[in-house]
Protein backbone atom coordinates (compact mmCIF):
# COMPACT_ATOMS: atom_id res chain seq x y z
CA MET A 1 -10.56 -32.20 -38.80
CA THR A 2 -7.13 -30.92 -37.85
CA LYS A 3 -6.96 -30.73 -33.57
CA PRO A 4 -6.30 -27.14 -32.26
CA LEU A 5 -2.64 -26.49 -31.94
CA ILE A 6 -1.97 -25.30 -28.41
CA LEU A 7 1.85 -23.94 -27.52
CA ILE A 8 2.60 -24.01 -23.87
CA SER A 9 5.54 -21.68 -22.11
CA ASN A 10 6.34 -20.71 -18.46
CA ASP A 11 8.76 -18.85 -16.73
CA ASP A 12 9.59 -21.76 -14.12
CA GLY A 13 11.43 -23.43 -16.67
CA ILE A 14 10.69 -26.93 -18.55
CA SER A 15 11.02 -29.21 -15.49
CA SER A 16 8.46 -27.42 -13.13
CA PRO A 17 5.41 -29.48 -11.84
CA GLY A 18 3.00 -26.49 -12.52
CA LEU A 19 4.12 -26.74 -16.52
CA HIS A 20 3.30 -30.58 -16.22
CA ARG A 21 -0.43 -29.92 -14.72
CA LEU A 22 -1.08 -27.56 -16.99
CA ILE A 23 -0.39 -29.93 -19.58
CA ASP A 24 -2.17 -32.71 -18.25
CA TYR A 25 -5.31 -29.99 -17.65
CA VAL A 26 -5.37 -29.34 -21.77
CA HIS A 27 -3.99 -32.36 -23.49
CA HIS A 28 -7.34 -33.57 -24.40
CA LEU A 29 -8.13 -29.82 -26.05
CA GLY A 30 -5.82 -30.08 -29.11
CA ASP A 31 -1.97 -31.04 -30.40
CA ILE A 32 0.25 -29.09 -27.31
CA VAL A 33 3.68 -28.32 -28.14
CA VAL A 34 5.94 -26.81 -25.12
CA ALA A 35 8.57 -24.56 -25.58
CA ALA A 36 10.12 -23.34 -22.13
CA PRO A 37 13.05 -21.93 -20.62
CA ASP A 38 15.83 -24.40 -19.77
CA GLY A 39 15.71 -22.88 -15.79
CA PRO A 40 14.10 -20.73 -13.96
CA CYS A 41 13.14 -17.25 -15.42
CA SER A 42 11.04 -15.74 -12.77
CA GLY A 43 10.78 -11.92 -12.84
CA LYS A 44 12.00 -11.67 -16.60
CA SER A 45 9.03 -9.70 -17.88
CA ALA A 46 9.21 -9.04 -21.67
CA ALA A 47 13.02 -9.54 -21.58
CA LEU A 48 14.58 -11.07 -24.68
CA THR A 49 18.27 -12.49 -25.78
CA VAL A 50 20.52 -10.31 -27.58
CA ASN A 51 24.21 -10.68 -28.51
CA ALA A 52 24.02 -14.20 -27.72
CA PRO A 53 22.97 -17.60 -29.16
CA LEU A 54 19.77 -19.36 -28.34
CA ARG A 55 19.90 -22.96 -28.31
CA ILE A 56 16.78 -25.77 -28.47
CA THR A 57 17.25 -29.30 -26.65
CA GLU A 58 14.27 -32.02 -27.19
CA HIS A 59 12.93 -33.59 -24.27
CA PRO A 60 10.83 -36.92 -23.88
CA ASP A 61 7.37 -36.35 -25.12
CA TYR A 62 5.17 -36.08 -21.77
CA ASN A 63 1.49 -36.84 -22.19
CA GLY A 64 1.20 -36.66 -25.64
CA ALA A 65 2.84 -33.00 -26.05
CA ILE A 66 6.02 -32.42 -27.58
CA MET A 67 8.66 -30.90 -25.55
CA ARG A 68 11.74 -28.70 -26.05
CA SER A 69 13.46 -26.21 -23.79
CA VAL A 70 15.28 -22.92 -25.17
CA SER A 71 18.33 -21.68 -23.35
CA GLY A 72 16.62 -18.16 -22.95
CA THR A 73 13.72 -16.33 -21.65
CA PRO A 74 9.82 -16.82 -21.69
CA VAL A 75 9.64 -14.35 -24.40
CA ASP A 76 12.74 -15.94 -26.32
CA CYS A 77 10.46 -19.23 -25.82
CA ILE A 78 7.83 -18.03 -27.95
CA LYS A 79 9.60 -16.22 -30.86
CA ILE A 80 11.68 -18.98 -31.31
CA ALA A 81 8.77 -21.64 -31.06
CA MET A 82 7.02 -19.44 -33.75
CA HIS A 83 10.39 -19.54 -36.01
CA ASN A 84 11.57 -22.97 -35.59
CA ILE A 85 9.48 -25.46 -33.08
CA VAL A 86 5.65 -25.29 -33.89
CA PRO A 87 4.64 -26.97 -37.61
CA ARG A 88 1.91 -24.39 -38.00
CA ARG A 89 0.56 -20.99 -36.32
CA PRO A 90 -0.58 -22.21 -33.07
CA ASP A 91 -4.40 -21.62 -32.18
CA LEU A 92 -3.57 -20.52 -28.73
CA VAL A 93 -0.93 -19.57 -26.48
CA LEU A 94 -0.90 -20.87 -22.75
CA SER A 95 1.89 -19.89 -20.20
CA GLY A 96 2.31 -21.51 -16.62
CA ILE A 97 0.99 -22.92 -14.34
CA ASN A 98 3.08 -20.34 -12.56
CA HIS A 99 4.35 -21.22 -9.08
CA GLY A 100 3.35 -17.67 -7.30
CA SER A 101 1.14 -14.66 -7.66
CA ASN A 102 0.87 -12.67 -10.91
CA ALA A 103 -2.05 -10.31 -9.52
CA GLY A 104 -2.54 -6.80 -9.07
CA ASN A 105 1.00 -4.49 -10.44
CA SER A 106 2.95 -8.25 -10.61
CA ILE A 107 1.84 -8.73 -13.94
CA ILE A 108 4.56 -6.09 -15.12
CA TYR A 109 7.41 -8.01 -14.18
CA SER A 110 5.94 -11.34 -14.74
CA GLY A 111 8.00 -13.58 -16.93
CA THR A 112 4.77 -15.83 -17.35
CA MET A 113 2.91 -12.57 -18.60
CA GLY A 114 5.58 -12.13 -20.70
CA ALA A 115 5.13 -15.01 -22.84
CA ALA A 116 1.66 -14.48 -22.94
CA MET A 117 1.90 -10.56 -24.15
CA GLU A 118 4.48 -11.67 -26.72
CA ALA A 119 1.94 -14.16 -28.43
CA CYS A 120 -1.32 -11.47 -27.73
CA MET A 121 1.09 -9.06 -29.76
CA ILE A 122 1.52 -11.32 -33.11
CA GLY A 123 -2.23 -11.95 -32.69
CA ILE A 124 -2.54 -15.14 -31.16
CA PRO A 125 -5.43 -15.58 -28.25
CA ALA A 126 -2.87 -16.28 -24.96
CA ILE A 127 -3.91 -16.86 -21.59
CA GLY A 128 -1.38 -17.05 -18.06
CA TYR A 129 -2.34 -19.04 -15.49
CA SER A 130 -0.48 -18.56 -12.09
CA LEU A 131 -1.24 -20.38 -8.63
CA LEU A 132 -0.47 -18.14 -5.53
CA SER A 133 2.02 -20.59 -4.13
CA HIS A 134 5.59 -20.77 -4.35
CA ALA A 135 6.04 -24.13 -2.77
CA ILE A 136 7.41 -27.08 -5.70
CA ASP A 137 5.04 -29.80 -4.41
CA ALA A 138 2.09 -27.20 -4.73
CA ASP A 139 -1.29 -28.80 -5.25
CA PHE A 140 -2.61 -27.77 -8.51
CA SER A 141 -5.52 -29.83 -8.44
CA GLU A 142 -8.66 -27.28 -7.73
CA THR A 143 -7.29 -25.49 -10.65
CA GLU A 144 -8.08 -27.78 -13.09
CA HIS A 145 -11.66 -27.10 -13.73
CA TYR A 146 -11.10 -23.50 -14.58
CA ILE A 147 -8.53 -23.76 -16.57
CA GLU A 148 -10.51 -26.40 -18.50
CA GLN A 149 -13.18 -23.61 -18.81
CA ILE A 150 -11.52 -20.76 -19.68
CA THR A 151 -9.31 -22.69 -22.47
CA LYS A 152 -12.37 -24.02 -24.05
CA ALA A 153 -13.90 -20.65 -23.90
CA VAL A 154 -11.12 -18.70 -25.79
CA LEU A 155 -10.50 -21.55 -27.89
CA ALA A 156 -13.87 -21.57 -29.28
CA LYS A 157 -14.73 -17.72 -29.34
CA GLY A 158 -11.20 -16.07 -29.19
CA LEU A 159 -10.08 -12.86 -27.55
CA PRO A 160 -10.55 -9.09 -28.62
CA LYS A 161 -7.30 -7.91 -30.26
CA ASP A 162 -4.23 -6.88 -28.24
CA VAL A 163 -6.04 -8.44 -25.13
CA CYS A 164 -4.92 -11.44 -23.35
CA LEU A 165 -5.81 -12.91 -19.88
CA ASN A 166 -4.18 -13.31 -16.54
CA VAL A 167 -5.57 -15.89 -14.57
CA ASN A 168 -4.96 -15.93 -10.80
CA PHE A 169 -6.00 -18.84 -8.56
CA PRO A 170 -5.69 -18.79 -4.38
CA ALA A 171 -3.87 -22.18 -3.24
CA LYS A 172 -4.07 -24.37 -0.25
CA CYS A 173 -7.99 -23.63 0.08
CA LYS A 174 -11.44 -24.82 -1.90
CA ILE A 175 -11.79 -22.41 -4.67
CA GLU A 176 -15.30 -20.61 -4.40
CA GLY A 177 -15.78 -19.77 -7.95
CA MET A 178 -14.26 -17.35 -10.59
CA LYS A 179 -14.63 -13.52 -11.06
CA VAL A 180 -13.57 -11.34 -14.08
CA VAL A 181 -12.16 -8.37 -12.76
CA ARG A 182 -9.47 -5.51 -13.26
CA ALA A 183 -6.20 -5.66 -11.57
CA ALA A 184 -5.76 -3.68 -8.30
CA ASP A 185 -3.77 -0.71 -7.72
CA SER A 186 -0.61 -2.17 -5.54
CA HIS A 187 2.85 -1.88 -5.12
CA TRP A 188 5.48 -3.64 -3.59
CA THR A 189 7.53 -2.38 -0.08
CA GLU A 190 10.66 -3.45 1.92
CA GLU A 191 11.65 -4.81 -1.50
CA TYR A 192 15.19 -5.83 -0.44
CA GLN A 193 17.03 -7.15 2.80
CA GLN A 194 20.40 -6.46 3.60
CA TYR A 195 23.08 -8.91 4.03
CA VAL A 196 27.34 -9.10 4.77
CA ASP A 197 29.32 -11.52 3.13
CA PRO A 198 32.54 -13.24 4.62
CA ASN A 199 34.54 -10.20 3.42
CA GLY A 200 32.49 -7.49 5.00
CA LYS A 201 30.95 -6.14 2.00
CA PRO A 202 27.02 -5.73 1.82
CA PHE A 203 24.89 -7.57 -0.65
CA TYR A 204 21.02 -6.94 -1.04
CA TRP A 205 18.51 -9.84 -1.64
CA LEU A 206 15.04 -9.34 -3.11
CA SER A 207 12.28 -9.79 -0.74
CA GLY A 208 9.11 -7.49 0.07
CA LYS A 209 5.51 -7.77 0.23
CA ILE A 210 2.87 -6.71 -2.06
CA VAL A 211 0.47 -3.86 -0.62
CA ASN A 212 -2.93 -3.94 -2.00
CA GLU A 213 -3.80 0.25 -2.21
CA GLU A 214 -7.77 -0.68 -2.78
CA PRO A 215 -8.40 -3.63 -0.37
CA ASP A 216 -12.04 -3.26 0.10
CA ASN A 217 -12.60 -2.88 -3.78
CA SER A 218 -14.49 -5.76 -5.02
CA GLU A 219 -13.76 -4.84 -8.85
CA THR A 220 -10.29 -6.22 -8.06
CA ASP A 221 -8.29 -9.40 -8.28
CA LEU A 222 -6.38 -8.94 -5.11
CA TYR A 223 -9.91 -8.67 -3.17
CA TRP A 224 -11.24 -11.89 -4.32
CA LEU A 225 -8.01 -13.78 -4.02
CA ASP A 226 -8.14 -12.91 -0.67
CA ARG A 227 -11.94 -14.55 -0.60
CA ASN A 228 -10.66 -17.77 -2.18
CA TYR A 229 -11.75 -16.96 -5.64
CA ALA A 230 -10.33 -17.50 -9.05
CA THR A 231 -9.69 -14.31 -10.78
CA VAL A 232 -9.36 -13.49 -14.54
CA VAL A 233 -8.20 -10.01 -15.75
CA PRO A 234 -8.30 -8.90 -19.13
CA SER A 235 -4.81 -7.35 -19.99
CA CYS A 236 -3.77 -5.62 -22.91
CA SER A 237 -0.51 -5.45 -24.81
CA ASN A 238 -1.08 -2.04 -26.75
CA ARG A 239 0.52 0.33 -23.96
CA ASN A 240 -0.70 3.19 -25.91
CA ALA A 241 -2.01 5.61 -23.02
CA VAL A 242 -4.72 7.33 -25.41
CA ASN A 243 -6.68 8.67 -22.69
CA ALA A 244 -3.42 10.92 -21.91
CA LEU A 245 -3.32 12.02 -25.65
CA PRO A 246 -5.74 15.68 -25.31
CA PHE A 247 -3.38 16.34 -22.05
CA MET A 248 -0.23 15.97 -23.47
CA LYS A 249 -0.94 17.87 -26.54
CA GLU A 250 -2.05 20.28 -24.22
CA ILE A 251 0.90 20.85 -22.15
CA LEU A 252 3.13 20.34 -25.12
């Protein structure tokens, strides 16, 4: 029988350690094809390239995985992979392992989850994996067991229509377990720092921190990540606010 085909992408680029660890952790579960950006694309969300060419570059195989980089965004990677890289429709798309959190409202900005959402929208089960560390030498070893467990379950059972998974792991600790929860209500504050260039003109650098608006709510991802648990958040690619239809019909 044909092995499952797993397409892997990310937003940190083809050379990121997190991507290579993800391949290491799932290579035995199927045939692996990688289509990742040729450089960092954090914060690209669902951006795609328009009015510019996309180029595909071949790289040496890694741990049995076919490696390709794309001169575009994570969404571009999924789209061009479906058009010109994978030999058949993938059974599963994985994105990550991201260097940094995609918990709370960070999913809105996430290139990691942009790739997962793109796969979800075309009906392919998809999972985004993230570790709460930006360090280039981050230790991913605690995530291996959970990545294998989640990936196996989704390969076997699939996911509901229009649903993908946003999985986050605490860093620099022993992971105590795993919780299936919702994303915490949160926002970013102090988002930019101002500096002055040598010509005396101000410029701004993205910074800030995430603020959990419900820190004591045990139904949320930020609550459990703070307690050294991995979190699994089912996320929806269909952004219709169906619950708001009666209200909008009333006021309009």
